[in-house]
Amino acid sequence: MQELLRFLIGGIVVSVFAALSDMLGPKSFAGLFGAAPSVALATLGLTIAHSGKAYAAIEARSMLLGAAAFCLYAALCSPVLLRGKRSALVATVMLLPVWFAAGFALLWIVRGHLA
């Protein structure tokens, strides 16, 4: 029964993301917004089944930290791309180290190394 409830909630979340992406546009992002929660939920479901809830909680925390780091990456990519001095490929690849550094820094902070 719990699995059914989780998958229903997951389906609702995916539907909300898809509707949000349709409202915000462009349409090319609809698949991205719909796929990310689906993949995350499927991964967490499989992790719970294979390794237990405690390990899945650690994985979920890592996903949240990675998403926060990605928000910083996207916020930096936007101005670089809007200036138009670099191609999309160059700008996004050039800023990938920012995403990784931010993700690992957040993980380091959450683990209490700066506390």
PDB file of N, CA and C in Angstrom:
ATOM      1  N   MET A   1       0.818  -1.197   0.000  1.00  0.00           N
ATOM      2  CA  MET A   1       0.000   0.000   0.000  1.00  0.00           C
ATOM      3  C   MET A   1       0.862   1.261   0.000  1.00  0.00           C
ATOM      4  N   GLN A   2       1.987   1.228   0.746  1.00  0.00           N
ATOM      5  CA  GLN A   2       2.865   2.399   0.795  1.00  0.00           C
ATOM      6  C   GLN A   2       3.476   2.685  -0.568  1.00  0.00           C
ATOM      7  N   GLU A   3       3.847   1.632  -1.304  1.00  0.00           N
ATOM      8  CA  GLU A   3       4.429   1.839  -2.629  1.00  0.00           C
ATOM      9  C   GLU A   3       3.429   2.509  -3.561  1.00  0.00           C
ATOM     10  N   LEU A   4       2.187   2.066  -3.502  1.00  0.00           N
ATOM     11  CA  LEU A   4       1.145   2.655  -4.345  1.00  0.00           C
ATOM     12  C   LEU A   4       0.982   4.138  -4.022  1.00  0.00           C
ATOM     13  N   LEU A   5       0.965   4.461  -2.745  1.00  0.00           N
ATOM     14  CA  LEU A   5       0.848   5.858  -2.325  1.00  0.00           C
ATOM     15  C   LEU A   5       2.043   6.679  -2.807  1.00  0.00           C
ATOM     16  N   ARG A   6       3.229   6.134  -2.692  1.00  0.00           N
ATOM     17  CA  ARG A   6       4.430   6.845  -3.151  1.00  0.00           C
ATOM     18  C   ARG A   6       4.386   7.097  -4.652  1.00  0.00           C
ATOM     19  N   PHE A   7       3.986   6.093  -5.406  1.00  0.00           N
ATOM     20  CA  PHE A   7       3.933   6.270  -6.851  1.00  0.00           C
ATOM     21  C   PHE A   7       2.837   7.240  -7.256  1.00  0.00           C
ATOM     22  N   LEU A   8       1.719   7.257  -6.529  1.00  0.00           N
ATOM     23  CA  LEU A   8       0.674   8.242  -6.809  1.00  0.00           C
ATOM     24  C   LEU A   8       1.175   9.657  -6.526  1.00  0.00           C
ATOM     25  N   ILE A   9       1.850   9.813  -5.406  1.00  0.00           N
ATOM     26  CA  ILE A   9       2.418  11.121  -5.081  1.00  0.00           C
ATOM     27  C   ILE A   9       3.453  11.509  -6.123  1.00  0.00           C
ATOM     28  N   GLY A  10       4.292  10.551  -6.531  1.00  0.00           N
ATOM     29  CA  GLY A  10       5.288  10.815  -7.573  1.00  0.00           C
ATOM     30  C   GLY A  10       4.642  11.237  -8.869  1.00  0.00           C
ATOM     31  N   GLY A  11       3.552  10.572  -9.249  1.00  0.00           N
ATOM     32  CA  GLY A  11       2.835  10.937 -10.464  1.00  0.00           C
ATOM     33  C   GLY A  11       2.251  12.327 -10.381  1.00  0.00           C
ATOM     34  N   ILE A  12       1.738  12.679  -9.221  1.00  0.00           N
ATOM     35  CA  ILE A  12       1.201  14.032  -9.033  1.00  0.00           C
ATOM     36  C   ILE A  12       2.308  15.068  -9.149  1.00  0.00           C
ATOM     37  N   VAL A  13       3.456  14.787  -8.546  1.00  0.00           N
ATOM     38  CA  VAL A  13       4.581  15.716  -8.624  1.00  0.00           C
ATOM     39  C   VAL A  13       5.031  15.900 -10.070  1.00  0.00           C
ATOM     40  N   VAL A  14       5.143  14.813 -10.808  1.00  0.00           N
ATOM     41  CA  VAL A  14       5.537  14.896 -12.216  1.00  0.00           C
ATOM     42  C   VAL A  14       4.514  15.704 -13.000  1.00  0.00           C
ATOM     43  N   SER A  15       3.237  15.474 -12.728  1.00  0.00           N
ATOM     44  CA  SER A  15       2.187  16.222 -13.428  1.00  0.00           C
ATOM     45  C   SER A  15       2.249  17.705 -13.118  1.00  0.00           C
ATOM     46  N   VAL A  16       2.521  18.052 -11.871  1.00  0.00           N
ATOM     47  CA  VAL A  16       2.645  19.461 -11.495  1.00  0.00           C
ATOM     48  C   VAL A  16       3.830  20.096 -12.213  1.00  0.00           C
ATOM     49  N   PHE A  17       4.953  19.400 -12.254  1.00  0.00           N
ATOM     50  CA  PHE A  17       6.118  19.930 -12.964  1.00  0.00           C
ATOM     51  C   PHE A  17       5.830  20.101 -14.449  1.00  0.00           C
ATOM     52  N   ALA A  18       5.152  19.147 -15.051  1.00  0.00           N
ATOM     53  CA  ALA A  18       4.829  19.241 -16.472  1.00  0.00           C
ATOM     54  C   ALA A  18       3.886  20.408 -16.737  1.00  0.00           C
ATOM     55  N   ALA A  19       2.889  20.589 -15.873  1.00  0.00           N
ATOM     56  CA  ALA A  19       1.960  21.711 -16.038  1.00  0.00           C
ATOM     57  C   ALA A  19       2.694  23.045 -15.847  1.00  0.00           C
ATOM     58  N   LEU A  20       3.575  23.089 -14.876  1.00  0.00           N
ATOM     59  CA  LEU A  20       4.352  24.303 -14.632  1.00  0.00           C
ATOM     60  C   LEU A  20       5.225  24.639 -15.831  1.00  0.00           C
ATOM     61  N   SER A  21       5.847  23.645 -16.402  1.00  0.00           N
ATOM     62  CA  SER A  21       6.712  23.899 -17.559  1.00  0.00           C
ATOM     63  C   SER A  21       5.894  24.348 -18.761  1.00  0.00           C
ATOM     64  N   ASP A  22       4.667  23.828 -18.907  1.00  0.00           N
ATOM     65  CA  ASP A  22       3.798  24.273 -19.997  1.00  0.00           C
ATOM     66  C   ASP A  22       3.395  25.732 -19.821  1.00  0.00           C
ATOM     67  N   MET A  23       3.169  26.137 -18.586  1.00  0.00           N
ATOM     68  CA  MET A  23       2.777  27.524 -18.327  1.00  0.00           C
ATOM     69  C   MET A  23       3.942  28.479 -18.509  1.00  0.00           C
ATOM     70  N   LEU A  24       5.125  28.064 -18.112  1.00  0.00           N
ATOM     71  CA  LEU A  24       6.284  28.944 -18.148  1.00  0.00           C
ATOM     72  C   LEU A  24       6.960  28.975 -19.509  1.00  0.00           C
ATOM     73  N   GLY A  25       6.864  27.868 -20.268  1.00  0.00           N
ATOM     74  CA  GLY A  25       7.508  27.800 -21.585  1.00  0.00           C
ATOM     75  C   GLY A  25       9.006  27.916 -21.465  1.00  0.00           C
ATOM     76  N   PRO A  26       9.774  27.782 -22.465  1.00  0.00           N
ATOM     77  CA  PRO A  26       9.409  27.252 -23.769  1.00  0.00           C
ATOM     78  C   PRO A  26       9.085  25.771 -23.673  1.00  0.00           C
ATOM     79  N   LYS A  27       8.417  25.283 -24.681  1.00  0.00           N
ATOM     80  CA  LYS A  27       7.927  23.905 -24.654  1.00  0.00           C
ATOM     81  C   LYS A  27       9.051  22.875 -24.594  1.00  0.00           C
ATOM     82  N   SER A  28      10.243  23.239 -25.021  1.00  0.00           N
ATOM     83  CA  SER A  28      11.349  22.283 -25.002  1.00  0.00           C
ATOM     84  C   SER A  28      11.753  21.904 -23.582  1.00  0.00           C
ATOM     85  N   PHE A  29      11.392  22.732 -22.596  1.00  0.00           N
ATOM     86  CA  PHE A  29      11.729  22.423 -21.210  1.00  0.00           C
ATOM     87  C   PHE A  29      10.715  21.502 -20.548  1.00  0.00           C
ATOM     88  N   ALA A  30       9.572  21.270 -21.202  1.00  0.00           N
ATOM     89  CA  ALA A  30       8.528  20.441 -20.595  1.00  0.00           C
ATOM     90  C   ALA A  30       9.054  19.053 -20.267  1.00  0.00           C
ATOM     91  N   GLY A  31       9.792  18.439 -21.178  1.00  0.00           N
ATOM     92  CA  GLY A  31      10.343  17.112 -20.927  1.00  0.00           C
ATOM     93  C   GLY A  31      11.354  17.110 -19.807  1.00  0.00           C
ATOM     94  N   LEU A  32      12.169  18.138 -19.750  1.00  0.00           N
ATOM     95  CA  LEU A  32      13.178  18.239 -18.694  1.00  0.00           C
ATOM     96  C   LEU A  32      12.527  18.344 -17.329  1.00  0.00           C
ATOM     97  N   PHE A  33      11.546  19.240 -17.207  1.00  0.00           N
ATOM     98  CA  PHE A  33      10.877  19.409 -15.920  1.00  0.00           C
ATOM     99  C   PHE A  33      10.077  18.171 -15.537  1.00  0.00           C
ATOM    100  N   GLY A  34       9.555  17.468 -16.520  1.00  0.00           N
ATOM    101  CA  GLY A  34       8.804  16.253 -16.227  1.00  0.00           C
ATOM    102  C   GLY A  34       9.690  15.071 -15.906  1.00  0.00           C
ATOM    103  N   ALA A  35      10.858  15.006 -16.524  1.00  0.00           N
ATOM    104  CA  ALA A  35      11.734  13.847 -16.361  1.00  0.00           C
ATOM    105  C   ALA A  35      12.521  13.876 -15.056  1.00  0.00           C
ATOM    106  N   ALA A  36      12.986  15.027 -14.641  1.00  0.00           N
ATOM    107  CA  ALA A  36      13.846  15.105 -13.457  1.00  0.00           C
ATOM    108  C   ALA A  36      13.175  14.535 -12.210  1.00  0.00           C
ATOM    109  N   PRO A  37      11.958  14.936 -11.878  1.00  0.00           N
ATOM    110  CA  PRO A  37      11.334  14.335 -10.688  1.00  0.00           C
ATOM    111  C   PRO A  37      11.073  12.848 -10.861  1.00  0.00           C
ATOM    112  N   SER A  38      10.732  12.428 -12.068  1.00  0.00           N
ATOM    113  CA  SER A  38      10.466  11.003 -12.302  1.00  0.00           C
ATOM    114  C   SER A  38      11.705  10.171 -12.047  1.00  0.00           C
ATOM    115  N   VAL A  39      12.822  10.618 -12.572  1.00  0.00           N
ATOM    116  CA  VAL A  39      14.073   9.886 -12.389  1.00  0.00           C
ATOM    117  C   VAL A  39      14.474   9.878 -10.920  1.00  0.00           C
ATOM    118  N   ALA A  40      14.330  11.009 -10.252  1.00  0.00           N
ATOM    119  CA  ALA A  40      14.688  11.084  -8.833  1.00  0.00           C
ATOM    120  C   ALA A  40      13.818  10.153  -8.000  1.00  0.00           C
ATOM    121  N   LEU A  41      12.518  10.170  -8.254  1.00  0.00           N
ATOM    122  CA  LEU A  41      11.622   9.304  -7.487  1.00  0.00           C
ATOM    123  C   LEU A  41      11.884   7.829  -7.768  1.00  0.00           C
ATOM    124  N   ALA A  42      12.116   7.493  -9.019  1.00  0.00           N
ATOM    125  CA  ALA A  42      12.415   6.098  -9.350  1.00  0.00           C
ATOM    126  C   ALA A  42      13.710   5.655  -8.691  1.00  0.00           C
ATOM    127  N   THR A  43      14.713   6.514  -8.719  1.00  0.00           N
ATOM    128  CA  THR A  43      15.989   6.195  -8.085  1.00  0.00           C
ATOM    129  C   THR A  43      15.825   5.989  -6.589  1.00  0.00           C
ATOM    130  N   LEU A  44      15.075   6.877  -5.948  1.00  0.00           N
ATOM    131  CA  LEU A  44      14.869   6.731  -4.509  1.00  0.00           C
ATOM    132  C   LEU A  44      14.059   5.475  -4.182  1.00  0.00           C
ATOM    133  N   GLY A  45      13.065   5.182  -5.000  1.00  0.00           N
ATOM    134  CA  GLY A  45      12.282   3.961  -4.779  1.00  0.00           C
ATOM    135  C   GLY A  45      13.135   2.716  -4.875  1.00  0.00           C
ATOM    136  N   LEU A  46      13.982   2.655  -5.888  1.00  0.00           N
ATOM    137  CA  LEU A  46      14.876   1.505  -6.039  1.00  0.00           C
ATOM    138  C   LEU A  46      15.904   1.448  -4.919  1.00  0.00           C
ATOM    139  N   THR A  47      16.377   2.601  -4.489  1.00  0.00           N
ATOM    140  CA  THR A  47      17.357   2.634  -3.398  1.00  0.00           C
ATOM    141  C   THR A  47      16.738   2.144  -2.104  1.00  0.00           C
ATOM    142  N   ILE A  48      15.503   2.560  -1.835  1.00  0.00           N
ATOM    143  CA  ILE A  48      14.814   2.087  -0.632  1.00  0.00           C
ATOM    144  C   ILE A  48      14.652   0.577  -0.679  1.00  0.00           C
ATOM    145  N   ALA A  49      14.228   0.072  -1.829  1.00  0.00           N
ATOM    146  CA  ALA A  49      14.014  -1.380  -1.965  1.00  0.00           C
ATOM    147  C   ALA A  49      15.315  -2.165  -1.837  1.00  0.00           C
ATOM    148  N   HIS A  50      16.396  -1.599  -2.351  1.00  0.00           N
ATOM    149  CA  HIS A  50      17.667  -2.340  -2.368  1.00  0.00           C
ATOM    150  C   HIS A  50      18.501  -2.121  -1.115  1.00  0.00           C
ATOM    151  N   SER A  51      18.557  -0.860  -0.623  1.00  0.00           N
ATOM    152  CA  SER A  51      19.504  -0.549   0.458  1.00  0.00           C
ATOM    153  C   SER A  51      18.857  -0.028   1.735  1.00  0.00           C
ATOM    154  N   GLY A  52      17.560   0.198   1.740  1.00  0.00           N
ATOM    155  CA  GLY A  52      16.889   0.641   2.960  1.00  0.00           C
ATOM    156  C   GLY A  52      16.671   2.146   3.011  1.00  0.00           C
ATOM    157  N   LYS A  53      15.830   2.531   3.955  1.00  0.00           N
ATOM    158  CA  LYS A  53      15.410   3.930   4.069  1.00  0.00           C
ATOM    159  C   LYS A  53      16.539   4.853   4.519  1.00  0.00           C
ATOM    160  N   ALA A  54      17.399   4.385   5.392  1.00  0.00           N
ATOM    161  CA  ALA A  54      18.479   5.248   5.908  1.00  0.00           C
ATOM    162  C   ALA A  54      19.425   5.655   4.780  1.00  0.00           C
ATOM    163  N   TYR A  55      19.787   4.700   3.951  1.00  0.00           N
ATOM    164  CA  TYR A  55      20.675   5.005   2.825  1.00  0.00           C
ATOM    165  C   TYR A  55      19.975   5.896   1.814  1.00  0.00           C
ATOM    166  N   ALA A  56      18.676   5.656   1.588  1.00  0.00           N
ATOM    167  CA  ALA A  56      17.902   6.487   0.658  1.00  0.00           C
ATOM    168  C   ALA A  56      17.819   7.922   1.162  1.00  0.00           C
ATOM    169  N   ALA A  57      17.763   8.110   2.464  1.00  0.00           N
ATOM    170  CA  ALA A  57      17.729   9.464   3.024  1.00  0.00           C
ATOM    171  C   ALA A  57      19.028  10.208   2.711  1.00  0.00           C
ATOM    172  N   ILE A  58      20.135   9.510   2.791  1.00  0.00           N
ATOM    173  CA  ILE A  58      21.424  10.117   2.447  1.00  0.00           C
ATOM    174  C   ILE A  58      21.451  10.483   0.965  1.00  0.00           C
ATOM    175  N   GLU A  59      20.946   9.586   0.139  1.00  0.00           N
ATOM    176  CA  GLU A  59      20.886   9.853  -1.304  1.00  0.00           C
ATOM    177  C   GLU A  59      19.978  11.039  -1.612  1.00  0.00           C
ATOM    178  N   ALA A  60      18.853  11.133  -0.921  1.00  0.00           N
ATOM    179  CA  ALA A  60      17.923  12.252  -1.134  1.00  0.00           C
ATOM    180  C   ALA A  60      18.576  13.573  -0.742  1.00  0.00           C
ATOM    181  N   ARG A  61      19.322  13.563   0.349  1.00  0.00           N
ATOM    182  CA  ARG A  61      20.043  14.772   0.759  1.00  0.00           C
ATOM    183  C   ARG A  61      21.052  15.174  -0.311  1.00  0.00           C
ATOM    184  N   SER A  62      21.742  14.201  -0.861  1.00  0.00           N
ATOM    185  CA  SER A  62      22.704  14.489  -1.920  1.00  0.00           C
ATOM    186  C   SER A  62      22.023  15.067  -3.147  1.00  0.00           C
ATOM    187  N   MET A  63      20.838  14.552  -3.483  1.00  0.00           N
ATOM    188  CA  MET A  63      20.090  15.096  -4.617  1.00  0.00           C
ATOM    189  C   MET A  63      19.706  16.559  -4.378  1.00  0.00           C
ATOM    190  N   LEU A  64      19.280  16.860  -3.167  1.00  0.00           N
ATOM    191  CA  LEU A  64      18.902  18.241  -2.843  1.00  0.00           C
ATOM    192  C   LEU A  64      20.101  19.180  -2.918  1.00  0.00           C
ATOM    193  N   LEU A  65      21.231  18.731  -2.428  1.00  0.00           N
ATOM    194  CA  LEU A  65      22.434  19.563  -2.487  1.00  0.00           C
ATOM    195  C   LEU A  65      22.878  19.763  -3.932  1.00  0.00           C
ATOM    196  N   GLY A  66      22.808  18.715  -4.730  1.00  0.00           N
ATOM    197  CA  GLY A  66      23.146  18.839  -6.145  1.00  0.00           C
ATOM    198  C   GLY A  66      22.213  19.781  -6.874  1.00  0.00           C
ATOM    199  N   ALA A  67      20.932  19.745  -6.522  1.00  0.00           N
ATOM    200  CA  ALA A  67      19.959  20.641  -7.144  1.00  0.00           C
ATOM    201  C   ALA A  67      20.233  22.096  -6.758  1.00  0.00           C
ATOM    202  N   ALA A  68      20.588  22.328  -5.509  1.00  0.00           N
ATOM    203  CA  ALA A  68      20.919  23.689  -5.075  1.00  0.00           C
ATOM    204  C   ALA A  68      22.158  24.194  -5.807  1.00  0.00           C
ATOM    205  N   ALA A  69      23.149  23.332  -5.952  1.00  0.00           N
ATOM    206  CA  ALA A  69      24.356  23.709  -6.688  1.00  0.00           C
ATOM    207  C   ALA A  69      24.032  23.980  -8.155  1.00  0.00           C
ATOM    208  N   PHE A  70      23.110  23.190  -8.715  1.00  0.00           N
ATOM    209  CA  PHE A  70      22.701  23.405 -10.101  1.00  0.00           C
ATOM    210  C   PHE A  70      22.016  24.753 -10.276  1.00  0.00           C
ATOM    211  N   CYS A  71      21.236  25.172  -9.282  1.00  0.00           N
ATOM    212  CA  CYS A  71      20.586  26.487  -9.354  1.00  0.00           C
ATOM    213  C   CYS A  71      21.627  27.597  -9.454  1.00  0.00           C
ATOM    214  N   LEU A  72      22.707  27.486  -8.699  1.00  0.00           N
ATOM    215  CA  LEU A  72      23.790  28.460  -8.803  1.00  0.00           C
ATOM    216  C   LEU A  72      24.414  28.420 -10.191  1.00  0.00           C
ATOM    217  N   TYR A  73      24.670  27.224 -10.682  1.00  0.00           N
ATOM    218  CA  TYR A  73      25.237  27.037 -12.021  1.00  0.00           C
ATOM    219  C   TYR A  73      24.347  27.680 -13.082  1.00  0.00           C
ATOM    220  N   ALA A  74      23.051  27.420 -13.004  1.00  0.00           N
ATOM    221  CA  ALA A  74      22.117  27.979 -13.983  1.00  0.00           C
ATOM    222  C   ALA A  74      22.054  29.496 -13.872  1.00  0.00           C
ATOM    223  N   ALA A  75      22.104  30.002 -12.644  1.00  0.00           N
ATOM    224  CA  ALA A  75      22.076  31.453 -12.443  1.00  0.00           C
ATOM    225  C   ALA A  75      23.318  32.112 -13.042  1.00  0.00           C
ATOM    226  N   LEU A  76      24.432  31.419 -13.054  1.00  0.00           N
ATOM    227  CA  LEU A  76      25.655  31.966 -13.648  1.00  0.00           C
ATOM    228  C   LEU A  76      25.680  31.777 -15.163  1.00  0.00           C
ATOM    229  N   CYS A  77      25.114  30.669 -15.637  1.00  0.00           N
ATOM    230  CA  CYS A  77      25.082  30.429 -17.084  1.00  0.00           C
ATOM    231  C   CYS A  77      24.214  31.450 -17.806  1.00  0.00           C
ATOM    232  N   SER A  78      23.118  31.822 -17.212  1.00  0.00           N
ATOM    233  CA  SER A  78      22.185  32.738 -17.870  1.00  0.00           C
ATOM    234  C   SER A  78      22.840  34.056 -18.281  1.00  0.00           C
ATOM    235  N   PRO A  79      23.513  34.764 -17.381  1.00  0.00           N
ATOM    236  CA  PRO A  79      24.124  36.028 -17.815  1.00  0.00           C
ATOM    237  C   PRO A  79      25.224  35.832 -18.856  1.00  0.00           C
ATOM    238  N   VAL A  80      25.972  34.741 -18.731  1.00  0.00           N
ATOM    239  CA  VAL A  80      27.038  34.478 -19.712  1.00  0.00           C
ATOM    240  C   VAL A  80      26.425  34.265 -21.098  1.00  0.00           C
ATOM    241  N   LEU A  81      25.338  33.513 -21.150  1.00  0.00           N
ATOM    242  CA  LEU A  81      24.684  33.258 -22.427  1.00  0.00           C
ATOM    243  C   LEU A  81      23.975  34.505 -22.960  1.00  0.00           C
ATOM    244  N   LEU A  82      23.396  35.303 -22.077  1.00  0.00           N
ATOM    245  CA  LEU A  82      22.674  36.493 -22.519  1.00  0.00           C
ATOM    246  C   LEU A  82      23.605  37.555 -23.096  1.00  0.00           C
ATOM    247  N   ARG A  83      24.815  37.583 -22.629  1.00  0.00           N
ATOM    248  CA  ARG A  83      25.780  38.537 -23.196  1.00  0.00           C
ATOM    249  C   ARG A  83      26.129  38.178 -24.630  1.00  0.00           C
ATOM    250  N   GLY A  84      25.974  36.913 -24.967  1.00  0.00           N
ATOM    251  CA  GLY A  84      26.169  36.474 -26.337  1.00  0.00           C
ATOM    252  C   GLY A  84      27.598  36.393 -26.821  1.00  0.00           C
ATOM    253  N   LYS A  85      28.536  36.447 -25.912  1.00  0.00           N
ATOM    254  CA  LYS A  85      29.939  36.405 -26.333  1.00  0.00           C
ATOM    255  C   LYS A  85      30.478  34.984 -26.430  1.00  0.00           C
ATOM    256  N   ARG A  86      29.733  34.038 -25.885  1.00  0.00           N
ATOM    257  CA  ARG A  86      30.171  32.647 -25.918  1.00  0.00           C
ATOM    258  C   ARG A  86      29.029  31.780 -26.444  1.00  0.00           C
ATOM    259  N   SER A  87      29.411  30.668 -27.064  1.00  0.00           N
ATOM    260  CA  SER A  87      28.381  29.728 -27.514  1.00  0.00           C
ATOM    261  C   SER A  87      27.812  29.011 -26.286  1.00  0.00           C
ATOM    262  N   ALA A  88      26.650  28.405 -26.458  1.00  0.00           N
ATOM    263  CA  ALA A  88      26.016  27.690 -25.354  1.00  0.00           C
ATOM    264  C   ALA A  88      26.912  26.553 -24.863  1.00  0.00           C
ATOM    265  N   LEU A  89      27.540  25.844 -25.784  1.00  0.00           N
ATOM    266  CA  LEU A  89      28.415  24.739 -25.395  1.00  0.00           C
ATOM    267  C   LEU A  89      29.595  25.233 -24.562  1.00  0.00           C
ATOM    268  N   VAL A  90      30.240  26.275 -25.015  1.00  0.00           N
ATOM    269  CA  VAL A  90      31.407  26.807 -24.296  1.00  0.00           C
ATOM    270  C   VAL A  90      31.004  27.328 -22.922  1.00  0.00           C
ATOM    271  N   ALA A  91      29.921  28.075 -22.871  1.00  0.00           N
ATOM    272  CA  ALA A  91      29.492  28.657 -21.591  1.00  0.00           C
ATOM    273  C   ALA A  91      29.118  27.583 -20.581  1.00  0.00           C
ATOM    274  N   THR A  92      28.353  26.596 -21.008  1.00  0.00           N
ATOM    275  CA  THR A  92      27.910  25.576 -20.057  1.00  0.00           C
ATOM    276  C   THR A  92      29.056  24.679 -19.601  1.00  0.00           C
ATOM    277  N   VAL A  93      29.942  24.324 -20.514  1.00  0.00           N
ATOM    278  CA  VAL A  93      31.082  23.484 -20.127  1.00  0.00           C
ATOM    279  C   VAL A  93      32.051  24.271 -19.254  1.00  0.00           C
ATOM    280  N   MET A  94      32.243  25.542 -19.580  1.00  0.00           N
ATOM    281  CA  MET A  94      33.163  26.389 -18.819  1.00  0.00           C
ATOM    282  C   MET A  94      32.713  26.528 -17.354  1.00  0.00           C
ATOM    283  N   LEU A  95      31.401  26.534 -17.133  1.00  0.00           N
ATOM    284  CA  LEU A  95      30.887  26.733 -15.780  1.00  0.00           C
ATOM    285  C   LEU A  95      30.595  25.434 -15.028  1.00  0.00           C
ATOM    286  N   LEU A  96      30.819  24.266 -15.646  1.00  0.00           N
ATOM    287  CA  LEU A  96      30.602  22.995 -14.949  1.00  0.00           C
ATOM    288  C   LEU A  96      31.411  22.879 -13.650  1.00  0.00           C
ATOM    289  N   PRO A  97      32.670  23.341 -13.621  1.00  0.00           N
ATOM    290  CA  PRO A  97      33.391  23.266 -12.346  1.00  0.00           C
ATOM    291  C   PRO A  97      32.717  24.038 -11.211  1.00  0.00           C
ATOM    292  N   VAL A  98      31.969  25.080 -11.555  1.00  0.00           N
ATOM    293  CA  VAL A  98      31.230  25.831 -10.530  1.00  0.00           C
ATOM    294  C   VAL A  98      30.164  24.937  -9.903  1.00  0.00           C
ATOM    295  N   TRP A  99      29.457  24.191 -10.755  1.00  0.00           N
ATOM    296  CA  TRP A  99      28.424  23.281 -10.256  1.00  0.00           C
ATOM    297  C   TRP A  99      29.029  22.244  -9.321  1.00  0.00           C
ATOM    298  N   PHE A 100      30.110  21.609  -9.756  1.00  0.00           N
ATOM    299  CA  PHE A 100      30.738  20.585  -8.929  1.00  0.00           C
ATOM    300  C   PHE A 100      31.306  21.161  -7.634  1.00  0.00           C
ATOM    301  N   ALA A 101      31.967  22.306  -7.723  1.00  0.00           N
ATOM    302  CA  ALA A 101      32.536  22.929  -6.524  1.00  0.00           C
ATOM    303  C   ALA A 101      31.438  23.320  -5.543  1.00  0.00           C
ATOM    304  N   ALA A 102      30.348  23.881  -6.050  1.00  0.00           N
ATOM    305  CA  ALA A 102      29.250  24.264  -5.168  1.00  0.00           C
ATOM    306  C   ALA A 102      28.621  23.042  -4.518  1.00  0.00           C
ATOM    307  N   GLY A 103      28.443  21.983  -5.280  1.00  0.00           N
ATOM    308  CA  GLY A 103      27.868  20.757  -4.721  1.00  0.00           C
ATOM    309  C   GLY A 103      28.730  20.162  -3.616  1.00  0.00           C
ATOM    310  N   PHE A 104      30.014  20.070  -3.865  1.00  0.00           N
ATOM    311  CA  PHE A 104      30.906  19.516  -2.849  1.00  0.00           C
ATOM    312  C   PHE A 104      31.047  20.451  -1.652  1.00  0.00           C
ATOM    313  N   ALA A 105      31.019  21.757  -1.888  1.00  0.00           N
ATOM    314  CA  ALA A 105      31.071  22.712  -0.769  1.00  0.00           C
ATOM    315  C   ALA A 105      29.831  22.578   0.104  1.00  0.00           C
ATOM    316  N   LEU A 106      28.666  22.456  -0.511  1.00  0.00           N
ATOM    317  CA  LEU A 106      27.436  22.275   0.264  1.00  0.00           C
ATOM    318  C   LEU A 106      27.475  20.975   1.058  1.00  0.00           C
ATOM    319  N   LEU A 107      27.964  19.919   0.446  1.00  0.00           N
ATOM    320  CA  LEU A 107      28.089  18.647   1.153  1.00  0.00           C
ATOM    321  C   LEU A 107      29.039  18.777   2.340  1.00  0.00           C
ATOM    322  N   TRP A 108      30.127  19.468   2.143  1.00  0.00           N
ATOM    323  CA  TRP A 108      31.111  19.681   3.201  1.00  0.00           C
ATOM    324  C   TRP A 108      30.484  20.463   4.366  1.00  0.00           C
ATOM    325  N   ILE A 109      29.699  21.495   4.017  1.00  0.00           N
ATOM    326  CA  ILE A 109      29.039  22.299   5.041  1.00  0.00           C
ATOM    327  C   ILE A 109      28.003  21.471   5.796  1.00  0.00           C
ATOM    328  N   VAL A 110      27.189  20.702   5.077  1.00  0.00           N
ATOM    329  CA  VAL A 110      26.138  19.911   5.708  1.00  0.00           C
ATOM    330  C   VAL A 110      26.735  18.853   6.637  1.00  0.00           C
ATOM    331  N   ARG A 111      27.852  18.306   6.270  1.00  0.00           N
ATOM    332  CA  ARG A 111      28.493  17.308   7.127  1.00  0.00           C
ATOM    333  C   ARG A 111      29.106  17.914   8.378  1.00  0.00           C
ATOM    334  N   GLY A 112      29.104  19.242   8.480  1.00  0.00           N
ATOM    335  CA  GLY A 112      29.536  19.900   9.716  1.00  0.00           C
ATOM    336  C   GLY A 112      30.984  20.308   9.760  1.00  0.00           C
ATOM    337  N   HIS A 113      31.655  20.350   8.600  1.00  0.00           N
ATOM    338  CA  HIS A 113      33.066  20.702   8.608  1.00  0.00           C
ATOM    339  C   HIS A 113      33.309  22.190   8.849  1.00  0.00           C
ATOM    340  N   LEU A 114      32.299  23.003   8.630  1.00  0.00           N
ATOM    341  CA  LEU A 114      32.465  24.435   8.879  1.00  0.00           C
ATOM    342  C   LEU A 114      31.776  24.883  10.149  1.00  0.00           C
ATOM    343  N   ALA A 115      31.087  23.984  10.809  1.00  0.00           N
ATOM    344  CA  ALA A 115      30.322  24.354  12.008  1.00  0.00           C
ATOM    345  C   ALA A 115      31.217  24.520  13.204  1.00  0.00           C
TER     346      ALA A 115
END
